[in-house]
């Protein structure tokens, strides 16, 4: 078997999760790299998605014993929530890169779907009932657009 060199197993697994778990009506495009979500990851734009953020925080508290902290300035290692009414109700865009995860949605329902999608492409341990010691979550760099409604083209 060939050596993988410096390619992280977590990165390869993160890419596989995207390929295996995302389907219609989501459209996605894998990019190079990955985001590491950990207890130093910050949150921006909390006022845009309070319910979705609460769901994410609950899972991180349950499995990792920590919640992400709100920040007010631009920096790397941040999940940023932005509202864009042009996306329409229930629609979202999730873009993960090495630096940040940007979630843009038309409404709270879109943010909820985006968080569900984010947790879907994280390691399955995010759903554990027991707390781990300071886990980190590797999320593949990916651009995802999704909707709560099934489009006619995917029927």
C-alpha atoms as a PDB file:
ATOM      1  CA  UNK A   1       0.000   0.000   0.000  1.00  0.00           C
ATOM      2  CA  UNK A   2       1.256   3.461  -0.914  1.00  0.00           C
ATOM      3  CA  UNK A   3       2.193   5.959   1.808  1.00  0.00           C
ATOM      4  CA  UNK A   4      -0.001   9.051   2.009  1.00  0.00           C
ATOM      5  CA  UNK A   5       2.896  11.222   3.139  1.00  0.00           C
ATOM      6  CA  UNK A   6       1.727  14.379   4.895  1.00  0.00           C
ATOM      7  CA  UNK A   7      -1.913  14.105   3.770  1.00  0.00           C
ATOM      8  CA  UNK A   8      -4.025  13.964   6.925  1.00  0.00           C
ATOM      9  CA  UNK A   9      -6.388  11.035   7.305  1.00  0.00           C
ATOM     10  CA  UNK A  10      -8.940  13.418   8.837  1.00  0.00           C
ATOM     11  CA  UNK A  11      -8.843  15.528   5.657  1.00  0.00           C
ATOM     12  CA  UNK A  12      -9.474  12.517   3.420  1.00  0.00           C
ATOM     13  CA  UNK A  13     -12.308  11.346   5.663  1.00  0.00           C
ATOM     14  CA  UNK A  14     -13.845  14.843   5.615  1.00  0.00           C
ATOM     15  CA  UNK A  15     -13.830  14.858   1.809  1.00  0.00           C
ATOM     16  CA  UNK A  16     -15.402  11.384   1.741  1.00  0.00           C
ATOM     17  CA  UNK A  17     -18.193  12.494   4.077  1.00  0.00           C
ATOM     18  CA  UNK A  18     -19.152  15.280   1.661  1.00  0.00           C
ATOM     19  CA  UNK A  19     -19.200  12.906  -1.298  1.00  0.00           C
ATOM     20  CA  UNK A  20     -21.210  10.255   0.566  1.00  0.00           C
ATOM     21  CA  UNK A  21     -23.687  12.392   2.501  1.00  0.00           C
ATOM     22  CA  UNK A  22     -24.754  15.268   0.277  1.00  0.00           C
ATOM     23  CA  UNK A  23     -27.477  14.786  -2.298  1.00  0.00           C
ATOM     24  CA  UNK A  24     -30.307  16.642  -4.044  1.00  0.00           C
ATOM     25  CA  UNK A  25     -31.481  19.334  -3.647  1.00  0.00           C
ATOM     26  CA  UNK A  26     -28.027  20.336  -2.416  1.00  0.00           C
ATOM     27  CA  UNK A  27     -25.409  21.308  -4.957  1.00  0.00           C
ATOM     28  CA  UNK A  28     -21.804  21.149  -3.859  1.00  0.00           C
ATOM     29  CA  UNK A  29     -18.259  21.556  -5.061  1.00  0.00           C
ATOM     30  CA  UNK A  30     -15.262  20.264  -3.106  1.00  0.00           C
ATOM     31  CA  UNK A  31     -12.251  22.547  -2.880  1.00  0.00           C
ATOM     32  CA  UNK A  32      -8.693  21.998  -1.640  1.00  0.00           C
ATOM     33  CA  UNK A  33      -8.095  22.198   2.080  1.00  0.00           C
ATOM     34  CA  UNK A  34     -10.154  21.936   5.228  1.00  0.00           C
ATOM     35  CA  UNK A  35     -11.449  23.944   8.183  1.00  0.00           C
ATOM     36  CA  UNK A  36     -10.730  22.889  11.762  1.00  0.00           C
ATOM     37  CA  UNK A  37     -13.559  23.635  14.156  1.00  0.00           C
ATOM     38  CA  UNK A  38     -12.357  23.640  17.777  1.00  0.00           C
ATOM     39  CA  UNK A  39     -12.812  25.401  21.101  1.00  0.00           C
ATOM     40  CA  UNK A  40     -11.000  28.472  19.695  1.00  0.00           C
ATOM     41  CA  UNK A  41     -13.392  28.870  16.758  1.00  0.00           C
ATOM     42  CA  UNK A  42     -15.349  32.116  16.936  1.00  0.00           C
ATOM     43  CA  UNK A  43     -18.871  33.063  15.827  1.00  0.00           C
ATOM     44  CA  UNK A  44     -19.911  36.251  14.008  1.00  0.00           C
ATOM     45  CA  UNK A  45     -23.376  37.400  12.970  1.00  0.00           C
ATOM     46  CA  UNK A  46     -25.197  35.738  15.853  1.00  0.00           C
ATOM     47  CA  UNK A  47     -28.187  38.057  15.471  1.00  0.00           C
ATOM     48  CA  UNK A  48     -28.850  36.577  12.013  1.00  0.00           C
ATOM     49  CA  UNK A  49     -29.347  32.958  13.061  1.00  0.00           C
ATOM     50  CA  UNK A  50     -30.085  32.554  16.787  1.00  0.00           C
ATOM     51  CA  UNK A  51     -31.964  29.239  16.527  1.00  0.00           C
ATOM     52  CA  UNK A  52     -29.441  27.587  14.234  1.00  0.00           C
ATOM     53  CA  UNK A  53     -26.526  28.734  16.372  1.00  0.00           C
ATOM     54  CA  UNK A  54     -28.261  27.402  19.476  1.00  0.00           C
ATOM     55  CA  UNK A  55     -28.527  23.949  17.847  1.00  0.00           C
ATOM     56  CA  UNK A  56     -24.827  23.951  16.932  1.00  0.00           C
ATOM     57  CA  UNK A  57     -23.845  25.126  20.421  1.00  0.00           C
ATOM     58  CA  UNK A  58     -25.943  22.376  22.038  1.00  0.00           C
ATOM     59  CA  UNK A  59     -24.158  19.665  20.046  1.00  0.00           C
ATOM     60  CA  UNK A  60     -20.706  21.109  20.722  1.00  0.00           C
ATOM     61  CA  UNK A  61     -21.480  21.414  24.444  1.00  0.00           C
ATOM     62  CA  UNK A  62     -22.815  17.850  24.550  1.00  0.00           C
ATOM     63  CA  UNK A  63     -19.921  16.231  22.722  1.00  0.00           C
ATOM     64  CA  UNK A  64     -17.029  18.588  23.432  1.00  0.00           C
ATOM     65  CA  UNK A  65     -17.910  20.352  26.641  1.00  0.00           C
ATOM     66  CA  UNK A  66     -17.491  23.786  25.066  1.00  0.00           C
ATOM     67  CA  UNK A  67     -19.432  26.468  23.242  1.00  0.00           C
ATOM     68  CA  UNK A  68     -18.060  28.784  20.587  1.00  0.00           C
ATOM     69  CA  UNK A  69     -17.519  32.408  21.591  1.00  0.00           C
ATOM     70  CA  UNK A  70     -18.962  35.450  19.854  1.00  0.00           C
ATOM     71  CA  UNK A  71     -16.421  37.777  18.258  1.00  0.00           C
ATOM     72  CA  UNK A  72     -16.860  41.197  16.667  1.00  0.00           C
ATOM     73  CA  UNK A  73     -13.860  41.440  14.349  1.00  0.00           C
ATOM     74  CA  UNK A  74     -12.639  39.710  11.224  1.00  0.00           C
ATOM     75  CA  UNK A  75     -10.237  36.885  11.921  1.00  0.00           C
ATOM     76  CA  UNK A  76      -9.528  33.337  10.810  1.00  0.00           C
ATOM     77  CA  UNK A  77     -11.114  30.289  12.457  1.00  0.00           C
ATOM     78  CA  UNK A  78     -14.599  31.793  12.532  1.00  0.00           C
ATOM     79  CA  UNK A  79     -18.075  30.713  11.497  1.00  0.00           C
ATOM     80  CA  UNK A  80     -19.779  33.755   9.978  1.00  0.00           C
ATOM     81  CA  UNK A  81     -23.574  34.018   9.599  1.00  0.00           C
ATOM     82  CA  UNK A  82     -24.940  36.509   7.045  1.00  0.00           C
ATOM     83  CA  UNK A  83     -28.496  37.121   5.933  1.00  0.00           C
ATOM     84  CA  UNK A  84     -29.289  37.677   2.248  1.00  0.00           C
ATOM     85  CA  UNK A  85     -32.992  38.004   1.460  1.00  0.00           C
ATOM     86  CA  UNK A  86     -32.196  37.547  -2.251  1.00  0.00           C
ATOM     87  CA  UNK A  87     -31.583  33.861  -1.516  1.00  0.00           C
ATOM     88  CA  UNK A  88     -35.252  33.436  -0.615  1.00  0.00           C
ATOM     89  CA  UNK A  89     -36.941  31.551   2.192  1.00  0.00           C
ATOM     90  CA  UNK A  90     -35.327  28.237   3.153  1.00  0.00           C
ATOM     91  CA  UNK A  91     -32.290  28.673   0.898  1.00  0.00           C
ATOM     92  CA  UNK A  92     -28.685  28.813   2.025  1.00  0.00           C
ATOM     93  CA  UNK A  93     -25.070  28.794   0.973  1.00  0.00           C
ATOM     94  CA  UNK A  94     -22.375  27.198   3.121  1.00  0.00           C
ATOM     95  CA  UNK A  95     -18.791  27.863   2.126  1.00  0.00           C
ATOM     96  CA  UNK A  96     -16.011  26.198   4.100  1.00  0.00           C
ATOM     97  CA  UNK A  97     -12.375  27.144   3.513  1.00  0.00           C
ATOM     98  CA  UNK A  98      -9.123  26.857   5.437  1.00  0.00           C
ATOM     99  CA  UNK A  99      -9.840  30.181   7.131  1.00  0.00           C
ATOM    100  CA  UNK A 100     -13.586  30.289   7.852  1.00  0.00           C
ATOM    101  CA  UNK A 101     -17.008  28.818   7.370  1.00  0.00           C
ATOM    102  CA  UNK A 102     -19.432  31.317   5.865  1.00  0.00           C
ATOM    103  CA  UNK A 103     -23.137  30.574   6.118  1.00  0.00           C
ATOM    104  CA  UNK A 104     -25.511  32.818   4.225  1.00  0.00           C
ATOM    105  CA  UNK A 105     -29.251  32.249   4.218  1.00  0.00           C
ATOM    106  CA  UNK A 106     -32.502  33.923   3.261  1.00  0.00           C
ATOM    107  CA  UNK A 107     -34.153  33.265   6.623  1.00  0.00           C
ATOM    108  CA  UNK A 108     -33.904  31.292   9.878  1.00  0.00           C
ATOM    109  CA  UNK A 109     -35.123  28.137   8.145  1.00  0.00           C
ATOM    110  CA  UNK A 110     -32.226  28.388   5.699  1.00  0.00           C
ATOM    111  CA  UNK A 111     -29.781  28.818   8.588  1.00  0.00           C
ATOM    112  CA  UNK A 112     -31.267  25.757  10.315  1.00  0.00           C
ATOM    113  CA  UNK A 113     -30.770  23.708   7.131  1.00  0.00           C
ATOM    114  CA  UNK A 114     -27.213  24.983   6.756  1.00  0.00           C
ATOM    115  CA  UNK A 115     -26.329  23.941  10.319  1.00  0.00           C
ATOM    116  CA  UNK A 116     -27.892  20.517   9.740  1.00  0.00           C
ATOM    117  CA  UNK A 117     -25.780  20.207   6.592  1.00  0.00           C
ATOM    118  CA  UNK A 118     -22.641  21.306   8.437  1.00  0.00           C
ATOM    119  CA  UNK A 119     -23.180  18.713  11.159  1.00  0.00           C
ATOM    120  CA  UNK A 120     -24.001  16.106   8.508  1.00  0.00           C
ATOM    121  CA  UNK A 121     -20.535  16.510   6.974  1.00  0.00           C
ATOM    122  CA  UNK A 122     -18.769  16.522  10.357  1.00  0.00           C
ATOM    123  CA  UNK A 123     -17.528  13.342  12.001  1.00  0.00           C
ATOM    124  CA  UNK A 124     -20.369  11.152  13.329  1.00  0.00           C
ATOM    125  CA  UNK A 125     -19.035  11.686  16.840  1.00  0.00           C
ATOM    126  CA  UNK A 126     -20.784  15.073  16.807  1.00  0.00           C
ATOM    127  CA  UNK A 127     -23.969  13.104  17.636  1.00  0.00           C
ATOM    128  CA  UNK A 128     -22.484  11.249  20.638  1.00  0.00           C
ATOM    129  CA  UNK A 129     -24.309  11.481  23.934  1.00  0.00           C
ATOM    130  CA  UNK A 130     -21.096  11.561  25.941  1.00  0.00           C
ATOM    131  CA  UNK A 131     -18.545  14.316  26.232  1.00  0.00           C
ATOM    132  CA  UNK A 132     -15.101  13.961  24.639  1.00  0.00           C
ATOM    133  CA  UNK A 133     -12.043  15.909  25.752  1.00  0.00           C
ATOM    134  CA  UNK A 134     -11.682  19.030  23.561  1.00  0.00           C
ATOM    135  CA  UNK A 135     -12.508  17.440  20.208  1.00  0.00           C
ATOM    136  CA  UNK A 136     -11.644  19.112  16.926  1.00  0.00           C
ATOM    137  CA  UNK A 137     -13.797  18.685  13.848  1.00  0.00           C
ATOM    138  CA  UNK A 138     -12.290  18.621  10.368  1.00  0.00           C
ATOM    139  CA  UNK A 139     -14.653  20.027   7.735  1.00  0.00           C
ATOM    140  CA  UNK A 140     -13.674  19.685   4.085  1.00  0.00           C
ATOM    141  CA  UNK A 141     -13.353  22.895   2.097  1.00  0.00           C
ATOM    142  CA  UNK A 142     -16.574  22.900   0.126  1.00  0.00           C
ATOM    143  CA  UNK A 143     -19.128  25.241  -1.406  1.00  0.00           C
ATOM    144  CA  UNK A 144     -22.719  24.067  -0.851  1.00  0.00           C
ATOM    145  CA  UNK A 145     -26.016  25.577  -1.898  1.00  0.00           C
ATOM    146  CA  UNK A 146     -29.190  24.099  -0.572  1.00  0.00           C
ATOM    147  CA  UNK A 147     -32.861  24.565   0.008  1.00  0.00           C
ATOM    148  CA  UNK A 148     -35.552  23.221   2.289  1.00  0.00           C
ATOM    149  CA  UNK A 149     -37.736  22.698  -0.752  1.00  0.00           C
ATOM    150  CA  UNK A 150     -37.120  20.008  -3.349  1.00  0.00           C
ATOM    151  CA  UNK A 151     -36.765  21.635  -6.740  1.00  0.00           C
ATOM    152  CA  UNK A 152     -38.693  20.337  -9.734  1.00  0.00           C
ATOM    153  CA  UNK A 153     -35.443  19.501 -11.501  1.00  0.00           C
ATOM    154  CA  UNK A 154     -34.517  16.941  -8.837  1.00  0.00           C
ATOM    155  CA  UNK A 155     -37.817  15.070  -8.955  1.00  0.00           C
END
